[in-house]
Amino acid sequence: MPPALDAHDPLSLEASLDDTERMMRDSVRRFVTDRVLPDVGRWFDDGHFPVELVKELGSLGLLGMHLDGYGCAGASATAYGLACQELEAGDSGFRSFVSVQGSLAMYAIHRFGSETQKQEWLPPMAAGEAIGCFGLTEADAGSDPASLRTRARKDGSDWVLDGTKMWITNGSIADVAVIWAQTAEPGDGSGIRGFLVPTSADGFAASPIRHKLSLRASVTSELVLDGVRVPAEAQLPGAEGLGGPLRCLNEARFGIVFGAVGAARACYESALTYATTREQFGRPIAGFQLQQRKLVDMLLRVQRSALVALQLGRLKDAGTLRHEQVSLGKLHNVDDALEVARTARQVLGANGITLEYPVIRHMNNLESVVTYEGTADVHTLVLGRAITGHDAFT
């Protein structure tokens, strides 16, 4: 007879992982258990990201871990995804930090930078000794990045940048900002170029965005560039047009596909533990039909999302992953994670709104995750275009 059904892995997905993937997942899970979970409720309450843990993330090989060379781990896409899953099971803020550092800032340098730029920035960023941010979004250019207004103009051999960026993760703690700017009149995005801007540059300012009720254990900032002068060598030579930043965003979205599974799993496991120990009417509430239906619905969503994530990981490792498939994964997995979080909150009752349990924290965080790196509406239109052949964006 096969073993009894595992309430945490009913489809035996564990067996589909190889030893390297399992080892990476377990090491990140230990880090989250030992270094994140004991204090993350307080960090969320205080609106604090513990910068002192960044070097530990680097020592674990998690920063730019799916990149090759320059001190990066060169891990598989699936191993990277599993790391994101475990980080977000702790808190979305930690997965966001690793995603922005590795899949946005470091990936932009690795994919589009010169050899000098790679040698200067990637090794210290991989070690957690330097922090990067990714400046694309603006107050009036979110889902339509081609309309961004930050300008870069030539002045002799230098570039001078002027503009404002909003909702930039890591902005106030970064050492280098990857800034995307128009080098021609705004239009179809063909004039967009990327620049590496040290945050110590004259005219560069970053201020944290306060009063957030989501991603509180994460740094979110406004960047202001007022006549920031950088040399010609600061431009990313391999990035021309909107395709550069969009390729970076697709890397980050891949991590979110896995990360959402981690958040959903944490909510489900919290609800399952609570339901089997909380007694009402003389027995655990897990013994009531309505609560069992909630638990089974959460389990189905977590397992379904985990299958989607693993399949996309295998496709990416095979080099056959399309950006529309990443859109499918983000749209599906974040939506399901939100439903799991909301259902878990109901199972926990009033306890579900306290930071003694992880559910309300994950639920609030996921309200940001469903929006950033492409809103649910945008990913719906990406998929709609792919299956119908008709562009409904305009």
Protein backbone atom coordinates (compact mmCIF):
# COMPACT_ATOMS: atom_id res chain seq x y z
CA MET A 1 0.00 0.00 0.00
CA PRO A 2 1.24 3.55 -0.72
CA PRO A 3 1.85 5.79 2.28
CA ALA A 4 -0.95 7.86 3.76
CA LEU A 5 -1.78 11.14 2.03
CA ASP A 6 0.56 13.92 3.09
CA ALA A 7 -1.52 16.95 4.07
CA HIS A 8 1.36 19.21 3.00
CA ASP A 9 2.34 17.40 -0.22
CA PRO A 10 -0.65 15.35 -1.38
CA LEU A 11 0.62 15.08 -4.97
CA SER A 12 4.10 13.94 -3.84
CA LEU A 13 5.76 16.83 -5.66
CA GLU A 14 8.79 16.30 -3.46
CA ALA A 15 9.68 13.29 -5.61
CA SER A 16 9.93 15.50 -8.73
CA LEU A 17 12.84 17.51 -7.30
CA ASP A 18 16.45 16.51 -7.78
CA ASP A 19 18.97 16.49 -4.94
CA THR A 20 20.38 19.93 -5.78
CA GLU A 21 16.94 21.53 -5.90
CA ARG A 22 15.97 19.88 -2.64
CA MET A 23 19.18 20.98 -0.94
CA MET A 24 18.72 24.59 -2.06
CA ARG A 25 15.10 24.62 -0.94
CA ASP A 26 15.96 23.17 2.45
CA SER A 27 18.80 25.61 3.10
CA VAL A 28 16.53 28.59 2.35
CA ARG A 29 13.76 27.09 4.47
CA ARG A 30 16.17 26.84 7.40
CA PHE A 31 17.24 30.44 6.92
CA VAL A 32 13.62 31.60 6.89
CA THR A 33 12.75 29.49 9.94
CA ASP A 34 15.77 30.64 11.95
CA ARG A 35 16.32 34.22 10.80
CA VAL A 36 13.04 35.56 9.41
CA LEU A 37 10.00 34.01 11.09
CA PRO A 38 10.95 34.84 14.70
CA ASP A 39 10.98 38.60 13.99
CA VAL A 40 9.09 39.25 10.75
CA GLY A 41 5.85 40.16 12.50
CA ARG A 42 7.66 42.89 14.42
CA TRP A 43 9.47 44.08 11.28
CA PHE A 44 6.15 44.27 9.44
CA ASP A 45 4.59 46.18 12.33
CA ASP A 46 7.53 48.59 12.49
CA GLY A 47 7.81 49.02 8.71
CA HIS A 48 11.41 47.79 8.83
CA PHE A 49 13.58 45.73 6.48
CA PRO A 50 16.61 44.17 8.24
CA VAL A 51 19.47 45.25 5.98
CA GLU A 52 21.86 43.36 8.23
CA LEU A 53 20.59 40.09 6.75
CA VAL A 54 21.56 40.99 3.17
CA LYS A 55 25.08 39.57 3.47
CA GLU A 56 23.60 36.35 4.83
CA LEU A 57 21.45 36.13 1.71
CA GLY A 58 24.63 36.59 -0.28
CA SER A 59 26.50 33.91 1.65
CA LEU A 60 23.67 31.48 0.87
CA GLY A 61 24.20 32.19 -2.83
CA LEU A 62 20.71 33.63 -3.29
CA LEU A 63 21.61 36.97 -4.91
CA GLY A 64 21.71 36.59 -8.67
CA MET A 65 21.75 32.85 -8.05
CA HIS A 66 20.47 31.95 -11.54
CA LEU A 67 23.23 33.97 -13.25
CA ASP A 68 26.60 32.53 -14.29
CA GLY A 69 30.01 33.84 -13.30
CA TYR A 70 31.03 36.99 -11.39
CA GLY A 71 30.45 35.31 -8.03
CA CYS A 72 26.93 34.15 -8.91
CA ALA A 73 25.82 30.62 -8.10
CA GLY A 74 24.74 29.62 -11.62
CA ALA A 75 21.79 27.64 -10.23
CA SER A 76 18.96 26.27 -12.33
CA ALA A 77 15.81 28.28 -12.87
CA THR A 78 13.81 25.74 -10.87
CA ALA A 79 16.23 25.94 -7.93
CA TYR A 80 15.95 29.73 -8.04
CA GLY A 81 12.17 29.47 -8.10
CA LEU A 82 12.15 27.14 -5.10
CA ALA A 83 14.33 29.61 -3.22
CA CYS A 84 11.80 32.36 -4.00
CA GLN A 85 9.02 30.06 -2.79
CA GLU A 86 10.67 29.57 0.59
CA LEU A 87 11.57 33.24 0.97
CA GLU A 88 7.99 34.34 0.32
CA ALA A 89 6.70 31.71 2.71
CA GLY A 90 8.55 33.86 5.22
CA ASP A 91 7.52 37.24 3.82
CA SER A 92 7.06 38.83 0.41
CA GLY A 93 9.53 41.53 1.42
CA PHE A 94 12.43 39.07 1.41
CA ARG A 95 11.49 37.53 -1.91
CA SER A 96 11.05 41.06 -3.31
CA PHE A 97 14.53 42.03 -2.16
CA VAL A 98 16.11 38.97 -3.76
CA SER A 99 14.04 39.40 -6.95
CA VAL A 100 14.97 43.07 -7.37
CA GLN A 101 18.61 42.49 -6.54
CA GLY A 102 19.08 39.42 -8.73
CA SER A 103 16.38 39.36 -11.42
CA LEU A 104 16.14 43.10 -12.08
CA ALA A 105 19.32 44.97 -11.14
CA MET A 106 21.90 42.19 -11.48
CA TYR A 107 20.20 40.60 -14.47
CA ALA A 108 20.16 43.97 -16.28
CA ILE A 109 23.91 44.32 -15.76
CA HIS A 110 24.61 40.67 -16.59
CA ARG A 111 22.47 40.66 -19.74
CA PHE A 112 23.04 44.19 -21.08
CA GLY A 113 26.16 45.54 -19.37
CA SER A 114 29.73 45.90 -20.53
CA GLU A 115 32.43 43.64 -19.17
CA THR A 116 33.72 46.55 -17.08
CA GLN A 117 30.26 47.11 -15.59
CA LYS A 118 29.88 43.42 -14.82
CA GLN A 119 33.26 43.22 -13.10
CA GLU A 120 32.59 46.36 -11.07
CA TRP A 121 29.12 45.56 -9.80
CA LEU A 122 28.16 41.89 -10.00
CA PRO A 123 30.65 40.34 -7.52
CA PRO A 124 29.83 42.74 -4.64
CA MET A 125 26.10 42.49 -5.42
CA ALA A 126 26.25 38.68 -5.39
CA ALA A 127 27.97 38.82 -2.00
CA GLY A 128 25.44 41.26 -0.56
CA GLU A 129 28.12 43.91 -0.19
CA ALA A 130 26.35 46.23 -2.66
CA ILE A 131 22.61 46.66 -3.17
CA GLY A 132 20.87 47.52 -6.42
CA CYS A 133 17.47 48.89 -7.38
CA PHE A 134 15.59 49.08 -10.68
CA GLY A 135 14.18 52.44 -11.70
CA LEU A 136 11.51 51.99 -14.36
CA THR A 137 8.10 52.82 -12.86
CA GLU A 138 6.98 56.44 -12.63
CA ALA A 139 3.91 58.10 -11.14
CA ASP A 140 2.36 58.44 -14.61
CA ALA A 141 4.03 55.44 -16.27
CA GLY A 142 3.15 52.15 -14.62
CA SER A 143 1.48 49.70 -16.97
CA ASP A 144 2.58 51.87 -19.91
CA PRO A 145 6.35 52.13 -19.42
CA ALA A 146 6.86 53.43 -22.96
CA SER A 147 5.44 56.75 -21.75
CA LEU A 148 8.06 57.27 -19.03
CA ARG A 149 9.25 60.87 -18.73
CA THR A 150 12.69 60.53 -17.21
CA ARG A 151 15.08 62.01 -19.77
CA ALA A 152 18.74 61.40 -20.55
CA ARG A 153 20.48 63.99 -22.73
CA LYS A 154 24.03 64.07 -24.01
CA ASP A 155 26.29 66.84 -22.73
CA GLY A 156 29.70 66.40 -24.28
CA SER A 157 30.72 62.81 -23.57
CA ASP A 158 28.45 62.58 -20.50
CA TRP A 159 24.77 61.85 -19.99
CA VAL A 160 22.60 64.07 -17.80
CA LEU A 161 19.48 62.48 -16.29
CA ASP A 162 16.37 64.24 -15.00
CA GLY A 163 13.20 62.61 -13.74
CA THR A 164 11.35 60.87 -10.92
CA LYS A 165 10.75 57.18 -10.25
CA MET A 166 8.10 55.75 -7.92
CA TRP A 167 7.50 52.48 -6.02
CA ILE A 168 11.15 51.44 -6.29
CA THR A 169 12.03 48.48 -4.07
CA ASN A 170 15.42 48.86 -2.33
CA GLY A 171 15.68 52.47 -3.53
CA SER A 172 16.64 54.04 -0.20
CA ILE A 173 19.24 51.39 0.65
CA ALA A 174 20.74 50.90 -2.83
CA ASP A 175 24.31 51.59 -3.86
CA VAL A 176 23.51 51.56 -7.57
CA ALA A 177 20.30 52.27 -9.47
CA VAL A 178 19.49 50.87 -12.90
CA ILE A 179 17.66 53.86 -14.38
CA TRP A 180 15.62 53.65 -17.58
CA ALA A 181 15.25 56.94 -19.41
CA GLN A 182 14.11 58.41 -22.71
CA THR A 183 16.94 59.51 -24.97
CA ALA A 184 14.53 60.74 -27.64
CA GLU A 185 11.00 62.10 -27.73
CA PRO A 186 8.54 59.80 -25.89
CA GLY A 187 6.70 57.56 -28.29
CA ASP A 188 6.98 53.86 -28.95
CA GLY A 189 9.73 53.32 -26.40
CA SER A 190 12.47 52.85 -28.99
CA GLY A 191 14.54 55.64 -27.41
CA ILE A 192 14.61 54.08 -23.93
CA ARG A 193 18.09 53.28 -22.61
CA GLY A 194 19.42 51.96 -19.32
CA PHE A 195 22.03 53.68 -17.12
CA LEU A 196 23.94 52.59 -14.02
CA VAL A 197 23.71 55.46 -11.57
CA PRO A 198 25.61 55.33 -8.26
CA THR A 199 23.24 56.55 -5.59
CA SER A 200 26.03 58.78 -4.26
CA ALA A 201 25.94 60.84 -7.48
CA ASP A 202 25.21 64.55 -7.17
CA GLY A 203 21.55 65.27 -7.85
CA PHE A 204 20.35 61.76 -6.92
CA ALA A 205 17.96 61.47 -3.98
CA ALA A 206 15.92 58.56 -2.62
CA SER A 207 13.21 58.85 0.03
CA PRO A 208 11.25 55.95 1.51
CA ILE A 209 7.49 55.80 0.90
CA ARG A 210 5.74 55.73 4.26
CA HIS A 211 2.29 54.71 5.51
CA LYS A 212 2.17 51.49 3.50
CA LEU A 213 -0.20 48.77 4.68
CA SER A 214 1.45 46.18 2.40
CA LEU A 215 5.06 45.04 2.00
CA ARG A 216 5.91 46.80 5.22
CA ALA A 217 8.99 44.62 5.80
CA SER A 218 10.41 45.95 2.54
CA VAL A 219 11.97 49.24 1.42
CA THR A 220 9.88 51.11 -1.17
CA SER A 221 11.14 54.47 -2.38
CA GLU A 222 10.77 57.49 -4.60
CA LEU A 223 13.84 58.37 -6.64
CA VAL A 224 14.55 61.90 -7.85
CA LEU A 225 17.22 62.61 -10.47
CA ASP A 226 17.97 66.32 -10.79
CA GLY A 227 20.70 66.91 -13.33
CA VAL A 228 22.50 63.68 -12.45
CA ARG A 229 25.64 63.49 -14.57
CA VAL A 230 27.14 60.12 -15.47
CA PRO A 231 29.89 59.24 -17.96
CA ALA A 232 29.15 57.60 -21.30
CA GLU A 233 30.39 54.33 -19.81
CA ALA A 234 27.39 54.30 -17.45
CA GLN A 235 25.00 53.40 -20.26
CA LEU A 236 24.10 49.71 -20.58
CA PRO A 237 25.41 49.05 -24.10
CA GLY A 238 23.27 46.00 -24.80
CA ALA A 239 19.86 47.51 -24.02
CA GLU A 240 18.08 49.40 -26.76
CA GLY A 241 14.40 50.24 -26.54
CA LEU A 242 11.66 48.97 -24.27
CA GLY A 243 12.67 45.35 -24.79
CA GLY A 244 15.52 45.76 -22.29
CA PRO A 245 13.50 46.55 -19.18
CA LEU A 246 10.68 44.22 -20.24
CA ARG A 247 13.10 41.30 -20.44
CA CYS A 248 14.25 42.10 -16.90
CA LEU A 249 10.66 42.25 -15.67
CA ASN A 250 9.98 38.82 -17.11
CA GLU A 251 12.85 37.44 -15.03
CA ALA A 252 11.33 38.91 -11.88
CA ARG A 253 7.84 37.67 -12.73
CA PHE A 254 9.19 34.14 -12.92
CA GLY A 255 10.29 34.39 -9.29
CA ILE A 256 6.85 35.69 -8.31
CA VAL A 257 5.21 32.60 -9.85
CA PHE A 258 7.04 30.49 -7.27
CA GLY A 259 6.91 33.06 -4.48
CA ALA A 260 3.12 33.19 -4.53
CA VAL A 261 3.07 29.44 -3.86
CA GLY A 262 5.13 30.02 -0.72
CA ALA A 263 2.77 32.70 0.60
CA ALA A 264 -0.26 30.53 -0.14
CA ARG A 265 1.33 27.49 1.50
CA ALA A 266 2.15 29.44 4.65
CA CYS A 267 -1.48 30.59 4.93
CA TYR A 268 -2.86 27.10 4.32
CA GLU A 269 -0.53 25.50 6.87
CA SER A 270 -1.40 28.14 9.45
CA ALA A 271 -5.12 27.52 8.89
CA LEU A 272 -4.71 23.74 9.02
CA THR A 273 -2.80 23.87 12.31
CA TYR A 274 -5.31 26.30 13.78
CA ALA A 275 -8.34 24.29 12.66
CA THR A 276 -7.04 21.06 14.17
CA THR A 277 -6.31 22.66 17.55
CA ARG A 278 -9.04 25.30 17.96
CA GLU A 279 -12.08 23.83 19.68
CA GLN A 280 -15.67 25.06 19.50
CA PHE A 281 -18.82 23.21 20.45
CA GLY A 282 -16.71 20.54 22.12
CA ARG A 283 -14.47 19.54 19.20
CA PRO A 284 -11.81 20.94 16.83
CA ILE A 285 -13.30 23.15 14.15
CA ALA A 286 -11.52 20.95 11.58
CA GLY A 287 -14.27 18.42 12.26
CA PHE A 288 -16.97 20.65 10.76
CA GLN A 289 -17.92 20.30 7.12
CA LEU A 290 -17.68 24.00 6.25
CA GLN A 291 -14.16 24.25 7.66
CA GLN A 292 -13.05 21.10 5.86
CA ARG A 293 -14.34 22.56 2.60
CA LYS A 294 -12.25 25.70 3.19
CA LEU A 295 -9.17 23.65 3.96
CA VAL A 296 -9.58 21.42 0.91
CA ASP A 297 -10.16 24.43 -1.34
CA MET A 298 -6.94 26.01 -0.05
CA LEU A 299 -5.04 22.77 -0.54
CA LEU A 300 -6.24 22.46 -4.13
CA ARG A 301 -5.14 26.00 -4.93
CA VAL A 302 -1.71 25.56 -3.35
CA GLN A 303 -1.08 22.29 -5.18
CA ARG A 304 -2.36 23.59 -8.50
CA SER A 305 -0.12 26.63 -8.23
CA ALA A 306 2.87 24.52 -7.25
CA LEU A 307 2.35 22.39 -10.39
CA VAL A 308 2.19 25.51 -12.57
CA ALA A 309 5.39 26.86 -11.02
CA LEU A 310 7.32 23.61 -11.42
CA GLN A 311 6.24 23.24 -15.04
CA LEU A 312 7.39 26.78 -15.85
CA GLY A 313 10.66 26.07 -14.05
CA ARG A 314 11.27 23.01 -16.20
CA LEU A 315 10.43 24.97 -19.36
CA LYS A 316 12.82 27.76 -18.39
CA ASP A 317 15.60 25.28 -17.66
CA ALA A 318 14.97 23.73 -21.10
CA GLY A 319 15.17 27.17 -22.73
CA THR A 320 11.64 26.98 -24.12
CA LEU A 321 9.74 29.27 -21.73
CA ARG A 322 7.71 32.04 -23.39
CA HIS A 323 6.84 35.34 -21.73
CA GLU A 324 3.11 34.58 -22.15
CA GLN A 325 3.57 31.45 -20.05
CA VAL A 326 5.14 33.55 -17.29
CA SER A 327 2.12 35.86 -17.49
CA LEU A 328 -0.14 32.82 -17.11
CA GLY A 329 1.81 31.68 -14.06
CA LYS A 330 1.81 35.06 -12.33
CA LEU A 331 -1.87 35.69 -13.04
CA HIS A 332 -2.96 32.27 -11.85
CA ASN A 333 -0.69 31.81 -8.86
CA VAL A 334 -1.10 35.25 -7.32
CA ASP A 335 -4.88 35.14 -7.73
CA ASP A 336 -4.98 31.73 -6.09
CA ALA A 337 -2.65 32.87 -3.30
CA LEU A 338 -4.97 35.79 -2.56
CA GLU A 339 -7.95 33.44 -2.34
CA VAL A 340 -6.03 31.12 -0.03
CA ALA A 341 -5.02 34.01 2.23
CA ARG A 342 -8.57 35.35 2.44
CA THR A 343 -10.00 31.91 3.17
CA ALA A 344 -7.35 31.22 5.81
CA ARG A 345 -8.24 34.52 7.46
CA GLN A 346 -11.82 33.30 7.80
CA VAL A 347 -10.70 30.00 9.33
CA LEU A 348 -8.67 31.85 11.95
CA GLY A 349 -11.54 34.20 12.77
CA ALA A 350 -10.48 37.22 14.81
CA ASN A 351 -7.03 35.70 15.30
CA GLY A 352 -6.54 35.99 11.56
CA ILE A 353 -6.12 39.76 11.76
CA THR A 354 -3.28 39.68 14.29
CA LEU A 355 0.43 39.51 13.53
CA GLU A 356 0.75 36.54 15.88
CA TYR A 357 -0.25 34.55 12.81
CA PRO A 358 1.15 35.09 9.29
CA VAL A 359 -2.14 35.24 7.39
CA ILE A 360 -3.06 38.95 7.43
CA ARG A 361 0.56 39.86 6.70
CA HIS A 362 0.63 37.61 3.64
CA MET A 363 -2.81 38.80 2.57
CA ASN A 364 -1.75 42.44 2.70
CA ASN A 365 1.53 41.70 0.91
CA LEU A 366 -0.21 39.82 -1.88
CA GLU A 367 -2.32 42.91 -2.63
CA SER A 368 0.95 44.47 -3.82
CA VAL A 369 2.27 41.33 -5.50
CA VAL A 370 -0.87 41.11 -7.67
CA THR A 371 -0.10 44.62 -8.96
CA TYR A 372 3.66 44.86 -9.38
CA GLU A 373 5.66 43.38 -12.27
CA GLY A 374 2.49 43.71 -14.36
CA THR A 375 -1.03 43.98 -13.00
CA ALA A 376 -3.53 41.14 -13.29
CA ASP A 377 -5.28 43.15 -16.02
CA VAL A 378 -2.09 43.46 -18.06
CA HIS A 379 -1.32 39.75 -17.83
CA THR A 380 -4.90 38.97 -18.81
CA LEU A 381 -4.46 41.06 -21.96
CA VAL A 382 -1.10 39.41 -22.70
CA LEU A 383 -2.79 36.02 -22.61
CA GLY A 384 -5.82 37.29 -24.50
CA ARG A 385 -3.60 38.52 -27.32
CA ALA A 386 -1.71 35.23 -27.38
CA ILE A 387 -4.81 33.05 -27.72
CA THR A 388 -6.88 35.27 -30.05
CA GLY A 389 -4.27 37.06 -32.12
CA HIS A 390 -5.95 40.40 -31.33
CA ASP A 391 -4.23 43.17 -29.36
CA ALA A 392 -6.68 44.70 -26.87
CA PHE A 393 -4.20 46.96 -25.08
CA THR A 394 -5.34 50.05 -26.98
